[in-house]
Amino acid sequence: MSISIRLSRGGAKKRPYYRIVVANSRSPRDGKYLEQIGTYNPLLAKDSPERVKITEDRARYWLGVGAQPTDRVARFLDAAGIKERAARVNPKKGEPGEKAKERAEERAAKIAEAEEAARAAEEEAKAAAAAPAAEEAPAEEAAAEEAPAAEEAAAEEQAEG
């Protein structure tokens, strides 16, 4: 018979409340258990001392007898300083799945195409704006050349007069 330390759910619908119990691993989740060694109320604040209560000496006894805690209960025992829990690292946890990666690639390709089209449109607009400006440039230069000549003529007239 293998013994586990696990959570047994109680409370109402959408209002969970758990007992931390020692039970036969084959018995149902909320079924018969050997002993209740604590409680867990997930609705309380994370820093509340009432959130997780464990009877330390009974937990140590059952661990010494060979009871295996579930992952969640192992976290509680580690936080209470009863049993050390090895930190587990899952480097792929935050990585998106294959379908999500495919969608992201398609989205990136569409964005790149849109940027290329926008750049091409900008270049065409610049080219269109530069062509008329090039035709007007000689006229502007000629007007600019005539203006100093007119100023020189006016200056000569004042000097003579």
Protein backbone atom coordinates (compact mmCIF):
# COMPACT_ATOMS: atom_id res chain seq x y z
CA MET A 1 0.00 0.00 0.00
CA SER A 2 1.52 3.32 -1.05
CA ILE A 3 0.66 6.36 1.00
CA SER A 4 0.42 9.87 -0.38
CA ILE A 5 0.06 13.29 1.18
CA ARG A 6 -2.33 15.21 -1.02
CA LEU A 7 -5.15 17.72 -1.22
CA SER A 8 -8.78 16.70 -0.70
CA ARG A 9 -11.26 19.25 -2.05
CA GLY A 10 -14.13 20.61 -0.04
CA GLY A 11 -16.11 23.84 -0.06
CA ALA A 12 -18.82 25.00 -2.42
CA LYS A 13 -18.88 25.49 -6.16
CA LYS A 14 -16.35 28.21 -7.14
CA ARG A 15 -15.31 28.46 -3.46
CA PRO A 16 -12.60 25.80 -3.05
CA TYR A 17 -11.24 24.74 0.31
CA TYR A 18 -8.75 21.91 0.68
CA ARG A 19 -7.70 19.54 3.44
CA ILE A 20 -4.13 18.30 3.38
CA VAL A 21 -4.60 14.61 4.03
CA VAL A 22 -2.61 11.39 4.24
CA ALA A 23 -4.40 8.72 2.21
CA ASN A 24 -3.95 5.51 0.30
CA SER A 25 -2.82 6.55 -3.18
CA ARG A 26 -5.56 4.42 -4.75
CA SER A 27 -8.46 5.94 -2.81
CA PRO A 28 -10.58 8.66 -4.48
CA ARG A 29 -9.51 12.30 -4.23
CA ASP A 30 -12.25 13.26 -1.75
CA GLY A 31 -12.66 9.77 -0.34
CA LYS A 32 -11.51 8.05 2.84
CA TYR A 33 -8.19 9.17 4.27
CA LEU A 34 -5.93 8.07 7.12
CA GLU A 35 -5.36 11.46 8.74
CA GLN A 36 -5.85 15.16 8.09
CA ILE A 37 -2.59 17.05 8.68
CA GLY A 38 -3.53 20.53 7.47
CA THR A 39 -5.69 22.87 5.43
CA TYR A 40 -5.28 25.10 2.38
CA ASN A 41 -7.60 27.99 1.50
CA PRO A 42 -6.65 29.38 -1.95
CA LEU A 43 -9.12 32.28 -1.61
CA LEU A 44 -7.01 33.99 1.06
CA ALA A 45 -4.14 36.38 0.25
CA LYS A 46 -0.81 34.74 -0.57
CA ASP A 47 0.91 36.34 2.42
CA SER A 48 -1.85 35.32 4.86
CA PRO A 49 -0.73 32.84 7.57
CA GLU A 50 -4.22 31.25 7.45
CA ARG A 51 -3.83 30.28 3.78
CA VAL A 52 -1.81 27.11 4.46
CA LYS A 53 -1.78 25.41 7.86
CA ILE A 54 0.18 22.20 8.39
CA THR A 55 0.69 20.19 11.58
CA GLU A 56 4.46 19.94 11.33
CA ASP A 57 5.14 16.95 13.61
CA ARG A 58 2.47 14.77 11.91
CA ALA A 59 3.79 15.76 8.45
CA ARG A 60 7.33 14.79 9.50
CA TYR A 61 6.03 11.47 10.90
CA TRP A 62 4.24 10.52 7.67
CA LEU A 63 7.20 11.56 5.54
CA GLY A 64 9.42 9.39 7.78
CA VAL A 65 7.07 6.44 7.29
CA GLY A 66 7.43 6.83 3.51
CA ALA A 67 4.42 8.88 2.40
CA GLN A 68 4.96 10.66 -0.92
CA PRO A 69 3.64 14.24 -1.19
CA THR A 70 2.06 15.46 -4.40
CA ASP A 71 3.78 18.36 -6.19
CA ARG A 72 1.49 21.01 -4.68
CA VAL A 73 1.82 19.62 -1.15
CA ALA A 74 5.60 19.34 -1.63
CA ARG A 75 5.61 23.09 -2.36
CA PHE A 76 3.70 23.74 0.87
CA LEU A 77 6.08 21.52 2.86
CA ASP A 78 9.08 23.31 1.35
CA ALA A 79 7.61 26.74 2.20
CA ALA A 80 6.98 25.55 5.78
CA GLY A 81 10.57 24.27 6.03
CA ILE A 82 9.50 20.66 6.63
CA LYS A 83 10.92 19.01 3.50
CA GLU A 84 13.31 20.45 0.91
CA ARG A 85 12.03 20.37 -2.65
CA ALA A 86 14.46 20.41 -5.55
CA ALA A 87 13.81 23.32 -7.89
CA ARG A 88 12.74 22.09 -11.29
CA VAL A 89 13.65 24.05 -14.39
CA ASN A 90 11.57 23.81 -17.55
CA PRO A 91 13.26 25.95 -20.20
CA LYS A 92 10.47 25.29 -22.75
CA LYS A 93 7.67 26.41 -20.43
CA GLY A 94 7.24 29.89 -21.89
CA GLU A 95 7.88 28.79 -25.47
CA PRO A 96 4.84 28.85 -27.78
CA GLY A 97 3.62 25.69 -29.50
CA GLU A 98 4.18 24.74 -33.15
CA LYS A 99 0.89 26.20 -34.42
CA ALA A 100 1.52 29.49 -32.60
CA LYS A 101 5.01 29.67 -34.10
CA GLU A 102 3.57 29.08 -37.61
CA ARG A 103 0.99 31.84 -37.09
CA ALA A 104 3.71 34.21 -35.85
CA GLU A 105 5.84 33.47 -38.95
CA GLU A 106 2.87 34.10 -41.27
CA ARG A 107 2.09 37.36 -39.47
CA ALA A 108 5.74 38.46 -39.73
CA ALA A 109 5.76 37.67 -43.47
CA LYS A 110 2.57 39.72 -44.02
CA ILE A 111 4.03 42.64 -42.07
CA ALA A 112 7.26 42.47 -44.10
CA GLU A 113 5.25 42.49 -47.36
CA ALA A 114 3.23 45.49 -46.17
CA GLU A 115 6.42 47.36 -45.24
CA GLU A 116 7.94 46.60 -48.65
CA ALA A 117 4.79 47.89 -50.38
CA ALA A 118 4.84 51.04 -48.22
CA ARG A 119 8.52 51.65 -49.05
CA ALA A 120 7.87 51.19 -52.77
CA ALA A 121 4.93 53.62 -52.60
CA GLU A 122 7.08 56.18 -50.76
CA GLU A 123 9.87 55.85 -53.33
CA GLU A 124 7.38 56.30 -56.19
CA ALA A 125 5.93 59.37 -54.48
CA LYS A 126 9.42 60.81 -53.99
CA ALA A 127 10.29 60.12 -57.62
CA ALA A 128 7.04 61.74 -58.78
CA ALA A 129 7.67 64.77 -56.54
CA ALA A 130 11.31 65.04 -57.69
CA ALA A 131 10.48 65.02 -61.43
CA PRO A 132 8.39 68.25 -61.43
CA ALA A 133 10.84 69.85 -59.00
CA ALA A 134 13.69 69.12 -61.46
CA GLU A 135 11.76 70.89 -64.26
CA GLU A 136 11.11 73.93 -62.02
CA ALA A 137 14.71 74.12 -60.82
CA PRO A 138 16.15 75.85 -63.95
CA ALA A 139 13.40 78.48 -63.80
CA GLU A 140 14.16 79.14 -60.16
CA GLU A 141 17.89 79.41 -60.95
CA ALA A 142 17.20 81.87 -63.73
CA ALA A 143 15.02 83.96 -61.43
CA ALA A 144 17.74 83.81 -58.79
CA GLU A 145 20.31 85.02 -61.36
CA GLU A 146 18.08 87.91 -62.47
CA ALA A 147 17.51 89.16 -58.92
CA PRO A 148 21.19 90.04 -58.19
CA ALA A 149 21.47 91.75 -61.58
CA ALA A 150 18.46 93.92 -60.74
CA GLU A 151 19.97 94.78 -57.37
CA GLU A 152 23.27 95.78 -59.01
CA ALA A 153 21.43 98.02 -61.48
CA ALA A 154 19.54 99.69 -58.64
CA ALA A 155 22.79 100.21 -56.72
CA GLU A 156 24.45 101.83 -59.79
CA GLU A 157 21.52 104.22 -60.27
CA GLN A 158 21.76 105.36 -56.63
CA ALA A 159 25.51 105.86 -56.95
CA GLU A 160 25.03 108.03 -60.08
CA GLY A 161 22.16 109.95 -58.58
